[in-house]
C-alpha cells in the first residue's frame, strides 16, 4: 500500500502489554488501493476484544507495529480503483479496517464499508459495527431465537447489550435485561427491554424466574460468563440456550444443570462469520435504521490521545452505560 507524504495522527502498538503501550504517533497517511476506500475518521468504537489483542493474550495476534480499531465512522476522502458504490463525501461506517481505526484516516476494504444515514451521528455510527453484528450473530445465527421466546440479555447496558435489546424487541421477543447500576437499568429499559433486573442484587435470579411464571428463559446472551454462567443455567427453560459473547476467565459449572434441561452452551466469535452471514446481518441493520429501532446508545467518549484511558476503563470500570467511542 503506497503512502502519501502527508502525515496523520494515529495510535500505534509496538509491543504487546498494558494500556500504556498505546502511543499517539505521527505516521504517513495511507492511500486506498484496489477496491479500497480512504475514510476521514470522525469517531471509532472501542471494543473489549481490542484490549485482549493489545495485551497479546488473544488467539489472533497482529503483526507489530499496528493500529487498533475496526468500527469507524466518518466521510469518504478518496476511493481506489474498482470502487463503484462509494464516492468522496459519502457518510459511512465500517465493520473492519485495513490500517486500523484509532487514527485520523483509515483505509477500508469496500465490502466492509456501509452508508451511514443522516438520522445517526458519527458517534452513533462508530457504535454499530461489532456490537450490532455480534448481537445478530448471537441471537439469530447461534441461538436461533424466535419471535415469542423470552430472551435474557445479561449485561445489557453495554454496546452489545443495547444492540441485542433493540434487536430482540424489534424481532418480536420478550426481552429481559440486567445491569448493575441505576443508570444502566434505565438505559436498558429505554432500549427495548420489557423488564430489567439488577444483577448485583441478591436473589435477582429468582426474580427472573418468577417473571417467566416459573418457566425459565429460552435464551441468555451472556457478556461475562466467568461470573454468571452458573446462575444462567438455573434460569433456563427446558431446551434453553446460553450464547457466550464474553468471558474474562474460567468458571466451574455443574454439567447436570445442562443435562436436566437439555440446554445448550454456544460460543460466539464474530471473526468466524461468513460473507453471506455478514450480508444478512447488514440487511437487518439497514431495515432497523429505516424503521428507527436501531439507535446506538453512546457512552463514555475519549479523544484519540486518551485511548490508553479508554482501554483501562472498558475493562476496569464496572457498570457500562452505552458504547465507548474515541472522537477524532
Protein backbone atom coordinates (compact mmCIF):
# COMPACT_ATOMS: atom_id res chain seq x y z
CA UNK A 1 0.00 0.00 0.00
CA UNK A 2 1.52 3.31 -1.10
CA UNK A 3 1.59 6.15 1.43
CA UNK A 4 1.39 9.84 0.62
CA UNK A 5 3.88 12.34 2.01
CA UNK A 6 1.22 13.78 4.32
CA UNK A 7 1.20 12.73 7.94
CA UNK A 8 -1.68 11.83 10.22
CA UNK A 9 -2.06 11.12 13.91
CA UNK A 10 -2.67 7.50 14.87
CA UNK A 11 -2.37 5.20 17.86
CA UNK A 12 0.42 2.65 17.38
CA UNK A 13 1.17 -0.51 19.34
CA UNK A 14 4.83 -1.55 19.02
CA UNK A 15 4.79 -4.20 21.76
CA UNK A 16 2.08 -6.23 23.47
CA UNK A 17 1.23 -5.18 27.01
CA UNK A 18 -0.95 -2.94 29.18
CA UNK A 19 -2.82 0.19 28.07
CA UNK A 20 0.40 2.25 28.24
CA UNK A 21 1.66 0.59 25.02
CA UNK A 22 -0.95 2.64 23.10
CA UNK A 23 1.15 5.54 21.78
CA UNK A 24 -0.04 8.53 19.76
CA UNK A 25 2.29 8.99 16.78
CA UNK A 26 2.58 10.86 13.50
CA UNK A 27 2.63 8.36 10.64
CA UNK A 28 2.16 8.51 6.88
CA UNK A 29 -1.42 8.98 5.72
CA UNK A 30 -2.32 5.92 3.62
CA UNK A 31 -3.77 5.82 0.12
CA UNK A 32 -6.57 3.43 -0.90
CA UNK A 33 -5.65 0.51 -3.13
CA UNK A 34 -7.77 -1.59 -5.48
CA UNK A 35 -11.38 -1.78 -4.20
CA UNK A 36 -10.44 0.14 -1.06
CA UNK A 37 -11.85 3.32 0.46
CA UNK A 38 -9.99 6.02 2.42
CA UNK A 39 -12.12 7.41 5.25
CA UNK A 40 -11.58 10.60 7.24
CA UNK A 41 -12.39 9.21 10.68
CA UNK A 42 -14.75 11.20 12.92
CA UNK A 43 -15.21 8.51 15.61
CA UNK A 44 -14.10 4.97 16.36
CA UNK A 45 -15.75 2.45 18.64
CA UNK A 46 -13.72 0.84 21.43
CA UNK A 47 -14.39 -2.88 21.93
CA UNK A 48 -13.19 -5.19 24.73
CA UNK A 49 -11.60 -7.56 22.19
CA UNK A 50 -9.18 -4.76 21.25
CA UNK A 51 -7.77 -4.83 24.78
CA UNK A 52 -7.19 -8.59 24.59
CA UNK A 53 -5.40 -8.23 21.24
CA UNK A 54 -3.27 -5.37 22.60
CA UNK A 55 -2.26 -7.42 25.65
CA UNK A 56 -1.10 -10.31 23.47
CA UNK A 57 -3.47 -12.80 25.12
CA UNK A 58 -5.89 -13.13 22.18
CA UNK A 59 -5.75 -16.10 19.79
CA UNK A 60 -5.16 -13.77 16.84
CA UNK A 61 -2.07 -11.56 17.07
CA UNK A 62 -1.47 -8.77 14.54
CA UNK A 63 1.99 -8.01 13.18
CA UNK A 64 3.72 -5.26 15.16
CA UNK A 65 3.51 -2.33 14.99
CA UNK A 66 -0.21 -1.91 14.34
CA UNK A 67 -3.10 0.49 14.88
CA UNK A 68 -6.15 -0.96 16.71
CA UNK A 69 -9.78 -0.36 15.82
CA UNK A 70 -12.38 -1.71 13.40
CA UNK A 71 -15.59 0.30 13.90
CA UNK A 72 -15.03 3.74 12.40
CA UNK A 73 -17.47 6.30 11.09
CA UNK A 74 -16.69 9.32 9.01
CA UNK A 75 -16.58 10.67 5.48
CA UNK A 76 -15.12 9.07 2.37
CA UNK A 77 -11.97 11.02 1.46
CA UNK A 78 -10.97 9.06 -1.66
CA UNK A 79 -11.63 5.74 -3.37
CA UNK A 80 -9.29 3.29 -5.07
CA UNK A 81 -9.67 1.70 -8.49
CA UNK A 82 -12.69 -0.54 -8.92
CA UNK A 83 -14.81 1.07 -6.17
CA UNK A 84 -18.31 1.61 -7.58
CA UNK A 85 -20.60 2.04 -4.58
CA UNK A 86 -18.91 4.93 -2.75
CA UNK A 87 -17.52 8.33 -3.65
CA UNK A 88 -15.80 11.19 -1.86
CA UNK A 89 -18.13 12.95 0.57
CA UNK A 90 -20.26 9.91 1.49
CA UNK A 91 -21.09 9.43 5.19
CA UNK A 92 -20.14 5.87 6.15
CA UNK A 93 -19.44 3.39 8.94
CA UNK A 94 -17.30 0.25 8.83
CA UNK A 95 -17.17 -3.28 10.23
CA UNK A 96 -13.41 -3.71 9.72
CA UNK A 97 -10.38 -1.72 8.56
CA UNK A 98 -7.13 -2.49 6.77
CA UNK A 99 -4.99 0.10 8.57
CA UNK A 100 -6.72 0.50 11.97
CA UNK A 101 -9.42 2.82 13.23
CA UNK A 102 -7.68 4.67 16.07
CA UNK A 103 -6.41 7.21 13.55
CA UNK A 104 -7.36 10.34 11.63
CA UNK A 105 -7.68 8.33 8.40
CA UNK A 106 -8.34 4.66 7.75
CA UNK A 107 -8.20 2.50 4.64
CA UNK A 108 -11.06 0.02 4.45
CA UNK A 109 -11.99 -2.73 2.01
CA UNK A 110 -15.08 -1.67 0.06
CA UNK A 111 -17.11 -4.67 1.27
CA UNK A 112 -16.64 -3.55 4.90
CA UNK A 113 -17.99 -0.01 4.28
CA UNK A 114 -21.68 0.86 4.74
CA UNK A 115 -23.68 4.04 4.22
CA UNK A 116 -24.49 5.97 7.41
CA UNK A 117 -27.95 7.56 7.26
CA UNK A 118 -28.33 11.18 8.34
CA UNK A 119 -30.61 10.06 11.17
CA UNK A 120 -27.49 8.85 13.03
CA UNK A 121 -24.48 10.97 14.04
CA UNK A 122 -20.86 9.87 13.67
CA UNK A 123 -20.52 8.74 17.28
CA UNK A 124 -23.56 6.50 16.82
CA UNK A 125 -22.09 5.28 13.53
CA UNK A 126 -18.95 4.17 15.38
CA UNK A 127 -21.13 2.15 17.77
CA UNK A 128 -22.74 -0.06 15.09
CA UNK A 129 -20.07 -2.46 13.78
CA UNK A 130 -19.03 -5.11 16.29
CA UNK A 131 -21.94 -4.55 18.75
CA UNK A 132 -24.82 -4.97 16.28
CA UNK A 133 -23.20 -7.67 14.15
CA UNK A 134 -22.35 -9.60 17.34
CA UNK A 135 -25.88 -9.22 18.70
CA UNK A 136 -27.38 -10.58 15.47
CA UNK A 137 -24.91 -13.46 15.31
CA UNK A 138 -25.64 -14.37 18.94
CA UNK A 139 -29.43 -14.12 18.74
CA UNK A 140 -30.15 -15.44 15.27
CA UNK A 141 -27.21 -17.39 13.83
CA UNK A 142 -26.24 -19.13 17.08
CA UNK A 143 -29.22 -19.17 19.47
CA UNK A 144 -31.82 -19.39 16.65
CA UNK A 145 -34.06 -17.17 18.78
CA UNK A 146 -37.63 -16.89 17.56
CA UNK A 147 -40.44 -14.35 17.97
CA UNK A 148 -42.38 -15.10 21.15
CA UNK A 149 -39.38 -16.54 23.01
CA UNK A 150 -38.10 -14.94 26.21
CA UNK A 151 -34.57 -13.56 25.96
CA UNK A 152 -32.39 -12.52 28.91
CA UNK A 153 -29.55 -10.18 27.99
CA UNK A 154 -27.05 -10.37 30.82
CA UNK A 155 -25.05 -7.15 30.97
CA UNK A 156 -27.48 -5.32 28.73
CA UNK A 157 -26.25 -1.75 29.26
CA UNK A 158 -23.05 -2.05 27.17
CA UNK A 159 -22.67 -1.77 23.40
CA UNK A 160 -23.60 -5.37 22.50
CA UNK A 161 -26.27 -5.44 25.22
CA UNK A 162 -28.12 -2.37 23.98
CA UNK A 163 -27.90 -3.69 20.41
CA UNK A 164 -29.33 -7.05 21.49
CA UNK A 165 -32.18 -5.39 23.41
CA UNK A 166 -33.22 -3.26 20.45
CA UNK A 167 -32.93 -6.17 18.02
CA UNK A 168 -34.75 -8.76 20.14
CA UNK A 169 -37.60 -6.33 20.82
CA UNK A 170 -37.92 -5.43 17.13
CA UNK A 171 -37.95 -9.13 16.17
CA UNK A 172 -40.88 -9.93 18.46
CA UNK A 173 -39.19 -11.45 21.50
CA UNK A 174 -39.95 -10.93 25.19
CA UNK A 175 -36.86 -9.07 26.40
CA UNK A 176 -35.36 -9.11 29.90
CA UNK A 177 -32.13 -7.24 30.63
CA UNK A 178 -29.73 -6.98 33.53
CA UNK A 179 -27.42 -4.16 34.58
CA UNK A 180 -25.57 -3.20 37.74
CA UNK A 181 -26.35 0.50 38.16
CA UNK A 182 -29.47 2.67 38.28
CA UNK A 183 -28.29 4.49 35.15
CA UNK A 184 -27.67 1.18 33.37
CA UNK A 185 -31.08 -0.23 34.28
CA UNK A 186 -32.77 2.92 32.96
CA UNK A 187 -30.80 2.72 29.70
CA UNK A 188 -31.79 -0.92 29.18
CA UNK A 189 -35.49 -0.12 29.67
CA UNK A 190 -35.22 2.78 27.23
CA UNK A 191 -33.73 0.49 24.60
CA UNK A 192 -36.28 -2.27 24.30
CA UNK A 193 -36.30 -4.38 27.46
CA UNK A 194 -39.75 -5.24 28.84
CA UNK A 195 -38.28 -5.80 32.33
CA UNK A 196 -34.91 -5.15 33.98
CA UNK A 197 -33.08 -6.76 36.89
CA UNK A 198 -30.06 -5.63 38.92
CA UNK A 199 -27.51 -8.45 38.69
CA UNK A 200 -25.75 -7.09 41.79
CA UNK A 201 -28.80 -7.74 43.98
CA UNK A 202 -29.06 -10.95 45.95
CA UNK A 203 -31.83 -13.15 44.58
CA UNK A 204 -32.19 -11.47 41.17
CA UNK A 205 -32.17 -14.92 39.51
CA UNK A 206 -35.35 -15.82 41.40
CA UNK A 207 -36.93 -12.57 40.22
CA UNK A 208 -36.13 -13.51 36.61
CA UNK A 209 -37.64 -16.98 37.01
CA UNK A 210 -40.75 -15.51 38.70
CA UNK A 211 -41.16 -13.09 35.78
CA UNK A 212 -41.39 -16.14 33.46
CA UNK A 213 -44.04 -17.69 35.75
CA UNK A 214 -41.53 -20.40 36.63
CA UNK A 215 -40.91 -21.48 33.03
CA UNK A 216 -37.42 -20.02 32.71
CA UNK A 217 -35.92 -18.06 29.82
CA UNK A 218 -35.35 -19.53 26.37
CA UNK A 219 -32.13 -17.70 25.51
CA UNK A 220 -29.47 -15.93 27.59
CA UNK A 221 -26.99 -13.61 25.86
CA UNK A 222 -24.00 -13.65 28.23
CA UNK A 223 -21.31 -10.95 28.31
CA UNK A 224 -19.40 -12.10 31.43
CA UNK A 225 -19.71 -15.87 31.58
CA UNK A 226 -16.86 -16.37 34.06
CA UNK A 227 -19.06 -14.65 36.65
CA UNK A 228 -22.61 -15.57 35.59
CA UNK A 229 -22.65 -18.96 33.89
CA UNK A 230 -23.65 -20.98 36.97
CA UNK A 231 -26.67 -18.78 37.67
CA UNK A 232 -27.52 -18.63 33.95
CA UNK A 233 -28.02 -22.40 33.84
CA UNK A 234 -30.51 -22.21 36.71
CA UNK A 235 -32.63 -19.59 34.90
CA UNK A 236 -33.01 -21.52 31.64
CA UNK A 237 -36.19 -23.10 30.37
CA UNK A 238 -36.15 -26.68 29.08
CA UNK A 239 -34.17 -26.62 25.82
CA UNK A 240 -32.77 -23.20 26.69
CA UNK A 241 -29.57 -21.81 25.18
CA UNK A 242 -26.79 -19.67 26.63
CA UNK A 243 -24.83 -17.82 23.95
CA UNK A 244 -21.45 -16.75 25.30
CA UNK A 245 -20.35 -13.39 23.92
CA UNK A 246 -17.75 -12.57 26.57
CA UNK A 247 -15.64 -14.16 29.30
CA UNK A 248 -12.64 -12.94 31.28
CA UNK A 249 -11.52 -16.18 32.87
CA UNK A 250 -12.52 -19.75 33.80
CA UNK A 251 -15.53 -20.89 35.81
CA UNK A 252 -16.57 -24.22 37.31
CA UNK A 253 -20.08 -25.40 36.44
CA UNK A 254 -22.18 -28.49 37.14
CA UNK A 255 -22.96 -30.28 33.84
CA UNK A 256 -26.08 -31.78 35.44
CA UNK A 257 -27.65 -28.32 35.25
CA UNK A 258 -27.27 -28.57 31.47
CA UNK A 259 -28.37 -32.21 31.23
CA UNK A 260 -31.58 -31.83 33.25
CA UNK A 261 -32.90 -29.12 30.91
CA UNK A 262 -31.24 -30.45 27.74
CA UNK A 263 -29.75 -26.99 27.47
CA UNK A 264 -27.03 -25.76 25.13
CA UNK A 265 -23.95 -23.61 25.67
CA UNK A 266 -22.90 -21.88 22.45
CA UNK A 267 -19.84 -19.73 21.84
CA UNK A 268 -19.93 -16.61 19.67
CA UNK A 269 -16.95 -15.25 17.70
CA UNK A 270 -17.79 -12.66 15.08
CA UNK A 271 -14.44 -13.38 13.40
CA UNK A 272 -15.92 -16.64 12.08
CA UNK A 273 -18.87 -15.04 10.26
CA UNK A 274 -19.04 -15.81 6.55
CA UNK A 275 -19.57 -13.15 3.87
CA UNK A 276 -23.15 -14.38 3.47
CA UNK A 277 -23.84 -14.12 7.21
CA UNK A 278 -22.42 -10.60 7.29
CA UNK A 279 -24.57 -9.57 4.32
CA UNK A 280 -27.67 -10.99 6.04
CA UNK A 281 -26.87 -9.06 9.22
CA UNK A 282 -26.24 -5.83 7.30
CA UNK A 283 -29.65 -6.17 5.64
CA UNK A 284 -31.35 -6.45 9.04
CA UNK A 285 -29.42 -3.46 10.36
CA UNK A 286 -30.39 -1.26 7.40
CA UNK A 287 -34.02 -2.27 7.94
CA UNK A 288 -33.57 -1.25 11.60
CA UNK A 289 -32.21 2.14 10.59
CA UNK A 290 -35.13 2.66 8.21
CA UNK A 291 -37.66 1.60 10.84
CA UNK A 292 -35.97 3.66 13.53
CA UNK A 293 -35.30 0.97 16.12
CA UNK A 294 -31.54 0.87 15.51
CA UNK A 295 -30.33 3.77 17.65
CA UNK A 296 -26.90 3.14 19.21
CA UNK A 297 -26.50 4.47 22.74
CA UNK A 298 -23.15 6.25 23.04
CA UNK A 299 -21.47 6.06 26.43
CA UNK A 300 -18.05 7.31 27.51
CA UNK A 301 -16.15 9.38 24.95
CA UNK A 302 -12.39 9.88 24.77
CA UNK A 303 -10.11 11.89 22.50
CA UNK A 304 -7.53 9.95 20.48
CA UNK A 305 -4.69 10.82 22.87
CA UNK A 306 -6.67 9.24 25.72
CA UNK A 307 -7.02 5.82 24.04
CA UNK A 308 -4.98 4.28 26.89
CA UNK A 309 -7.61 5.54 29.37
CA UNK A 310 -10.41 4.08 27.26
CA UNK A 311 -8.68 0.67 27.28
CA UNK A 312 -8.27 0.86 31.04
CA UNK A 313 -11.86 1.90 31.72
CA UNK A 314 -13.58 -0.60 29.42
CA UNK A 315 -12.07 -3.44 31.48
CA UNK A 316 -11.66 -1.97 34.97
CA UNK A 317 -14.82 0.16 35.37
CA UNK A 318 -17.99 -1.78 36.14
CA UNK A 319 -21.44 -0.70 35.06
CA UNK A 320 -21.20 0.02 31.34
CA UNK A 321 -23.70 2.54 30.04
CA UNK A 322 -23.71 2.70 26.26
CA UNK A 323 -20.95 2.22 23.71
CA UNK A 324 -17.48 3.64 24.37
CA UNK A 325 -16.05 5.71 21.48
CA UNK A 326 -12.96 7.67 20.54
CA UNK A 327 -13.67 11.04 18.93
CA UNK A 328 -11.15 12.15 16.33
